[in-house]
Amino acid sequence: MCPECDARVSVPDDVERGELVQCPECGVELEVVALEPLRFIVAPPEEEDWGE
């Protein structure tokens, strides 16, 4: 279930912890944090890489 909108999120059978998936309802990017049971958190925004 999406932590933002409670929609059911389906993932491939071979999904791994740390992978990012998108909620089909609200479009938020989710990070897989547990497999049994399947749990997600809202993925932190990607930081800019300025090449420093």
N, C-alpha and C. Protein backbone atom coordinates (compact mmCIF):
# COMPACT_ATOMS: atom_id res chain seq x y z
N MET A 1 0.85 -1.19 0.00
CA MET A 1 0.00 0.00 0.00
C MET A 1 0.89 1.25 0.00
N CYS A 2 0.44 2.22 -0.78
CA CYS A 2 1.17 3.48 -0.86
C CYS A 2 0.98 4.26 0.46
N PRO A 3 2.08 4.73 1.07
CA PRO A 3 1.94 5.49 2.31
C PRO A 3 1.32 6.87 2.11
N GLU A 4 1.24 7.35 0.87
CA GLU A 4 0.65 8.65 0.59
C GLU A 4 -0.85 8.58 0.38
N CYS A 5 -1.30 7.59 -0.44
CA CYS A 5 -2.72 7.58 -0.82
C CYS A 5 -3.41 6.25 -0.53
N ASP A 6 -2.71 5.29 0.04
CA ASP A 6 -3.24 3.97 0.40
C ASP A 6 -3.65 3.12 -0.81
N ALA A 7 -3.15 3.46 -1.99
CA ALA A 7 -3.44 2.64 -3.17
C ALA A 7 -2.60 1.36 -3.13
N ARG A 8 -3.11 0.33 -3.76
CA ARG A 8 -2.38 -0.92 -3.87
C ARG A 8 -1.28 -0.74 -4.92
N VAL A 9 -0.04 -1.09 -4.53
CA VAL A 9 1.10 -0.97 -5.43
C VAL A 9 1.60 -2.37 -5.74
N SER A 10 1.62 -2.71 -7.01
CA SER A 10 2.13 -4.04 -7.39
C SER A 10 3.58 -3.90 -7.85
N VAL A 11 4.36 -4.92 -7.54
CA VAL A 11 5.77 -4.93 -7.90
C VAL A 11 6.11 -6.27 -8.55
N PRO A 12 7.18 -6.31 -9.33
CA PRO A 12 7.59 -7.59 -9.92
C PRO A 12 7.99 -8.59 -8.84
N ASP A 13 7.93 -9.88 -9.16
CA ASP A 13 8.29 -10.92 -8.20
C ASP A 13 9.74 -10.81 -7.74
N ASP A 14 10.61 -10.27 -8.60
CA ASP A 14 12.04 -10.21 -8.27
C ASP A 14 12.47 -8.86 -7.71
N VAL A 15 11.51 -8.09 -7.17
CA VAL A 15 11.85 -6.79 -6.60
C VAL A 15 12.78 -6.99 -5.40
N GLU A 16 13.68 -6.03 -5.19
CA GLU A 16 14.64 -6.09 -4.09
C GLU A 16 14.49 -4.87 -3.20
N ARG A 17 14.95 -5.01 -1.95
CA ARG A 17 14.96 -3.87 -1.04
C ARG A 17 15.78 -2.75 -1.64
N GLY A 18 15.31 -1.54 -1.49
CA GLY A 18 16.03 -0.38 -2.00
C GLY A 18 15.61 0.05 -3.40
N GLU A 19 14.84 -0.80 -4.09
CA GLU A 19 14.38 -0.43 -5.42
C GLU A 19 13.31 0.65 -5.33
N LEU A 20 13.20 1.43 -6.39
CA LEU A 20 12.20 2.48 -6.46
C LEU A 20 11.09 2.05 -7.40
N VAL A 21 9.85 2.30 -6.97
CA VAL A 21 8.67 2.01 -7.79
C VAL A 21 7.77 3.24 -7.72
N GLN A 22 6.85 3.34 -8.65
CA GLN A 22 5.95 4.49 -8.67
C GLN A 22 4.53 4.05 -8.34
N CYS A 23 3.87 4.83 -7.53
CA CYS A 23 2.47 4.55 -7.19
C CYS A 23 1.61 4.80 -8.43
N PRO A 24 0.76 3.84 -8.81
CA PRO A 24 -0.07 4.02 -9.99
C PRO A 24 -1.18 5.05 -9.81
N GLU A 25 -1.53 5.37 -8.57
CA GLU A 25 -2.63 6.31 -8.31
C GLU A 25 -2.15 7.75 -8.18
N CYS A 26 -1.20 8.00 -7.27
CA CYS A 26 -0.78 9.38 -7.00
C CYS A 26 0.54 9.75 -7.67
N GLY A 27 1.27 8.74 -8.19
CA GLY A 27 2.49 9.01 -8.93
C GLY A 27 3.73 9.25 -8.09
N VAL A 28 3.61 9.17 -6.77
CA VAL A 28 4.76 9.40 -5.91
C VAL A 28 5.76 8.25 -6.08
N GLU A 29 7.06 8.57 -5.96
CA GLU A 29 8.09 7.55 -6.06
C GLU A 29 8.29 6.91 -4.69
N LEU A 30 8.27 5.59 -4.65
CA LEU A 30 8.35 4.84 -3.40
C LEU A 30 9.59 3.98 -3.38
N GLU A 31 10.18 3.83 -2.20
CA GLU A 31 11.32 2.94 -2.01
C GLU A 31 10.86 1.70 -1.26
N VAL A 32 11.24 0.53 -1.76
CA VAL A 32 10.91 -0.73 -1.10
C VAL A 32 11.84 -0.86 0.12
N VAL A 33 11.26 -0.92 1.32
CA VAL A 33 12.07 -1.02 2.54
C VAL A 33 11.96 -2.39 3.20
N ALA A 34 10.99 -3.20 2.81
CA ALA A 34 10.85 -4.55 3.35
C ALA A 34 10.11 -5.41 2.32
N LEU A 35 10.47 -6.70 2.30
CA LEU A 35 9.85 -7.61 1.33
C LEU A 35 8.78 -8.48 1.94
N GLU A 36 8.93 -8.90 3.17
CA GLU A 36 7.96 -9.78 3.84
C GLU A 36 7.61 -9.21 5.19
N PRO A 37 6.54 -8.52 5.35
CA PRO A 37 5.58 -8.09 4.33
C PRO A 37 6.14 -6.92 3.52
N LEU A 38 5.61 -6.73 2.33
CA LEU A 38 6.05 -5.67 1.43
C LEU A 38 5.68 -4.32 2.04
N ARG A 39 6.72 -3.46 2.19
CA ARG A 39 6.49 -2.12 2.77
C ARG A 39 7.25 -1.09 1.96
N PHE A 40 6.69 0.11 1.89
CA PHE A 40 7.30 1.21 1.14
C PHE A 40 7.42 2.44 2.03
N ILE A 41 8.35 3.31 1.66
CA ILE A 41 8.40 4.67 2.19
C ILE A 41 8.45 5.59 0.98
N VAL A 42 8.07 6.85 1.17
CA VAL A 42 8.19 7.82 0.10
C VAL A 42 9.68 8.06 -0.11
N ALA A 43 10.15 7.90 -1.34
CA ALA A 43 11.57 8.03 -1.64
C ALA A 43 12.01 9.48 -1.43
N PRO A 44 13.18 9.67 -0.83
CA PRO A 44 13.67 11.04 -0.67
C PRO A 44 13.99 11.63 -2.03
N PRO A 45 13.84 12.94 -2.17
CA PRO A 45 14.15 13.56 -3.47
C PRO A 45 15.63 13.41 -3.81
N GLU A 46 15.91 13.21 -5.09
CA GLU A 46 17.29 13.08 -5.53
C GLU A 46 17.96 14.42 -5.42
N GLU A 47 19.19 14.43 -4.89
CA GLU A 47 19.92 15.68 -4.78
C GLU A 47 20.69 15.94 -6.06
N GLU A 48 20.87 17.21 -6.38
CA GLU A 48 21.61 17.59 -7.57
C GLU A 48 23.07 17.24 -7.40
N ASP A 49 23.69 16.74 -8.47
CA ASP A 49 25.13 16.47 -8.47
C ASP A 49 25.79 17.55 -9.30
N TRP A 50 26.45 18.45 -8.63
CA TRP A 50 27.06 19.58 -9.32
C TRP A 50 28.48 19.27 -9.74
N GLY A 51 28.95 18.03 -9.57
CA GLY A 51 30.28 17.65 -10.01
C GLY A 51 31.40 18.21 -9.16
N GLU A 52 31.11 18.48 -7.93
CA GLU A 52 32.14 19.06 -7.03
C GLU A 52 32.91 17.97 -6.34
